[in-house]
Each structure stands twice: as C-alpha cells, then as structure tokens.
C-alpha atoms as a PDB file:
ATOM      1  CA  UNK A   1      -3.008 -15.610  -0.155  1.00  0.00           C
ATOM      2  CA  UNK A   2       0.981 -15.088   1.629  1.00  0.00           C
ATOM      3  CA  UNK A   3       0.423 -11.032   1.145  1.00  0.00           C
ATOM      4  CA  UNK A   4      -2.807 -11.025   3.146  1.00  0.00           C
ATOM      5  CA  UNK A   5      -1.172 -13.328   5.881  1.00  0.00           C
ATOM      6  CA  UNK A   6       1.939 -11.176   5.994  1.00  0.00           C
ATOM      7  CA  UNK A   7      -0.090  -7.697   6.075  1.00  0.00           C
ATOM      8  CA  UNK A   8      -2.516  -9.160   8.910  1.00  0.00           C
ATOM      9  CA  UNK A   9       0.340 -10.155  10.836  1.00  0.00           C
ATOM     10  CA  UNK A  10       2.414  -7.002  10.544  1.00  0.00           C
ATOM     11  CA  UNK A  11      -0.610  -4.814  11.406  1.00  0.00           C
ATOM     12  CA  UNK A  12      -1.434  -7.306  14.594  1.00  0.00           C
ATOM     13  CA  UNK A  13       2.126  -7.183  15.656  1.00  0.00           C
ATOM     14  CA  UNK A  14       2.322  -3.164  15.514  1.00  0.00           C
ATOM     15  CA  UNK A  15      -1.252  -3.014  17.010  1.00  0.00           C
ATOM     16  CA  UNK A  16      -2.928  -0.995  14.103  1.00  0.00           C
ATOM     17  CA  UNK A  17      -5.974  -2.084  13.074  1.00  0.00           C
ATOM     18  CA  UNK A  18      -6.401  -2.176   9.150  1.00  0.00           C
ATOM     19  CA  UNK A  19      -9.480  -0.157   9.302  1.00  0.00           C
ATOM     20  CA  UNK A  20      -7.430   2.501  10.868  1.00  0.00           C
ATOM     21  CA  UNK A  21      -5.299   2.943   7.704  1.00  0.00           C
ATOM     22  CA  UNK A  22      -6.462   5.733   5.367  1.00  0.00           C
ATOM     23  CA  UNK A  23      -3.601   5.714   2.546  1.00  0.00           C
ATOM     24  CA  UNK A  24      -1.534   2.758   1.000  1.00  0.00           C
ATOM     25  CA  UNK A  25       1.840   3.734  -0.984  1.00  0.00           C
ATOM     26  CA  UNK A  26       1.421   0.566  -3.165  1.00  0.00           C
ATOM     27  CA  UNK A  27       4.483  -0.783  -4.850  1.00  0.00           C
ATOM     28  CA  UNK A  28       2.648  -0.690  -8.377  1.00  0.00           C
ATOM     29  CA  UNK A  29       5.426  -1.728 -10.811  1.00  0.00           C
ATOM     30  CA  UNK A  30       2.602  -2.350 -13.651  1.00  0.00           C
ATOM     31  CA  UNK A  31       3.437  -5.985 -14.104  1.00  0.00           C
ATOM     32  CA  UNK A  32       0.574  -8.419 -15.096  1.00  0.00           C
ATOM     33  CA  UNK A  33       1.781 -10.738 -12.299  1.00  0.00           C
ATOM     34  CA  UNK A  34       2.785  -8.383  -9.339  1.00  0.00           C
ATOM     35  CA  UNK A  35       0.149  -5.656  -9.475  1.00  0.00           C
ATOM     36  CA  UNK A  36      -3.056  -8.318  -9.263  1.00  0.00           C
ATOM     37  CA  UNK A  37      -1.152 -10.078  -6.466  1.00  0.00           C
ATOM     38  CA  UNK A  38      -0.834  -6.641  -4.589  1.00  0.00           C
ATOM     39  CA  UNK A  39      -4.340  -5.475  -5.036  1.00  0.00           C
ATOM     40  CA  UNK A  40      -5.922  -8.846  -3.901  1.00  0.00           C
ATOM     41  CA  UNK A  41      -3.552  -8.484  -0.749  1.00  0.00           C
ATOM     42  CA  UNK A  42      -4.700  -5.117  -0.038  1.00  0.00           C
ATOM     43  CA  UNK A  43      -8.389  -5.739  -0.634  1.00  0.00           C
ATOM     44  CA  UNK A  44      -8.260  -9.229   1.346  1.00  0.00           C
ATOM     45  CA  UNK A  45      -6.958  -7.027   4.280  1.00  0.00           C
ATOM     46  CA  UNK A  46      -8.065  -3.559   4.026  1.00  0.00           C
ATOM     47  CA  UNK A  47     -11.496  -3.662   2.440  1.00  0.00           C
ATOM     48  CA  UNK A  48     -13.619  -6.396   4.420  1.00  0.00           C
ATOM     49  CA  UNK A  49     -15.727  -4.132   6.153  1.00  0.00           C
ATOM     50  CA  UNK A  50     -17.527  -0.764   5.792  1.00  0.00           C
ATOM     51  CA  UNK A  51     -15.065   1.853   5.863  1.00  0.00           C
ATOM     52  CA  UNK A  52     -14.013   5.458   4.551  1.00  0.00           C
ATOM     53  CA  UNK A  53     -12.353   5.164   1.118  1.00  0.00           C
ATOM     54  CA  UNK A  54      -9.165   3.652   1.108  1.00  0.00           C
ATOM     55  CA  UNK A  55      -6.777   5.872  -0.944  1.00  0.00           C
ATOM     56  CA  UNK A  56      -4.101   4.058  -2.681  1.00  0.00           C
ATOM     57  CA  UNK A  57      -1.267   5.553  -4.567  1.00  0.00           C
ATOM     58  CA  UNK A  58       2.269   4.674  -6.184  1.00  0.00           C
ATOM     59  CA  UNK A  59       4.919   6.934  -6.965  1.00  0.00           C
ATOM     60  CA  UNK A  60       5.723   4.855 -10.157  1.00  0.00           C
ATOM     61  CA  UNK A  61       2.307   6.052 -11.819  1.00  0.00           C
ATOM     62  CA  UNK A  62       3.518   9.642 -11.285  1.00  0.00           C
ATOM     63  CA  UNK A  63       7.113   9.408 -12.539  1.00  0.00           C
ATOM     64  CA  UNK A  64       8.084   5.831 -13.606  1.00  0.00           C
ATOM     65  CA  UNK A  65      10.154   3.365 -11.916  1.00  0.00           C
ATOM     66  CA  UNK A  66      13.392   5.034 -10.363  1.00  0.00           C
ATOM     67  CA  UNK A  67      14.700   1.938  -9.381  1.00  0.00           C
ATOM     68  CA  UNK A  68      17.063   1.869  -6.285  1.00  0.00           C
ATOM     69  CA  UNK A  69      15.429   4.925  -5.051  1.00  0.00           C
ATOM     70  CA  UNK A  70      11.818   3.871  -5.469  1.00  0.00           C
ATOM     71  CA  UNK A  71      11.529   3.186  -1.700  1.00  0.00           C
ATOM     72  CA  UNK A  72      13.075   6.900  -0.827  1.00  0.00           C
ATOM     73  CA  UNK A  73      10.530   8.497  -3.707  1.00  0.00           C
ATOM     74  CA  UNK A  74       7.469   6.668  -1.831  1.00  0.00           C
ATOM     75  CA  UNK A  75       8.539   7.716   1.621  1.00  0.00           C
ATOM     76  CA  UNK A  76       8.961  11.216   0.699  1.00  0.00           C
ATOM     77  CA  UNK A  77       5.729  11.218  -1.119  1.00  0.00           C
ATOM     78  CA  UNK A  78       3.948   9.830   2.057  1.00  0.00           C
ATOM     79  CA  UNK A  79       5.770  12.273   4.248  1.00  0.00           C
ATOM     80  CA  UNK A  80       4.738  15.148   2.243  1.00  0.00           C
ATOM     81  CA  UNK A  81       1.181  14.088   2.033  1.00  0.00           C
ATOM     82  CA  UNK A  82       1.085  13.888   5.857  1.00  0.00           C
ATOM     83  CA  UNK A  83       2.271  17.298   6.080  1.00  0.00           C
ATOM     84  CA  UNK A  84      -0.673  18.486   3.988  1.00  0.00           C
END
C-alpha cells in the first residue's frame, strides 16, 4: 500500500518510531474511497504491535470540511491538545 510505504519512509527519515505516536489527526473527509485508504495506511503502520491505544481524530468530524482552512484547523486542534 502506497500510504503505508510513505508513512514508514517519513517516520524512518524523522527518526520517530510509529510506536511513539499517541495521536493522529486524520484527513477524514468521509468519502467511500479516501477514508478506508487512510485507515488502512494508519493501521498498517501504527497498529502492528502491542501498544497503548492510538487516538485518532479529525476536525472535519467536529466542524465539517472548512476547505482551504482545513490544515490550519487541524494544526490548531493538535497544538491545543498538546497544551492540555
């Protein structure tokens, strides 16, 4: 799966083990094609060993798809969650 290959490559390059990741802010647009591909990529990389639960969220499920502002909304959500 190309998403799994990309995720593995990015985490290897950044020297972060997938097991260290506690939260993923998913793209999660609610499409029949995109969401299953995204979930399969996440499961294939982050859920291959025993670990603490992996938390997954998406701003789109909270407020809809803000189109061009979606990246900024997701970033704000993650930053605020790190502060708490």
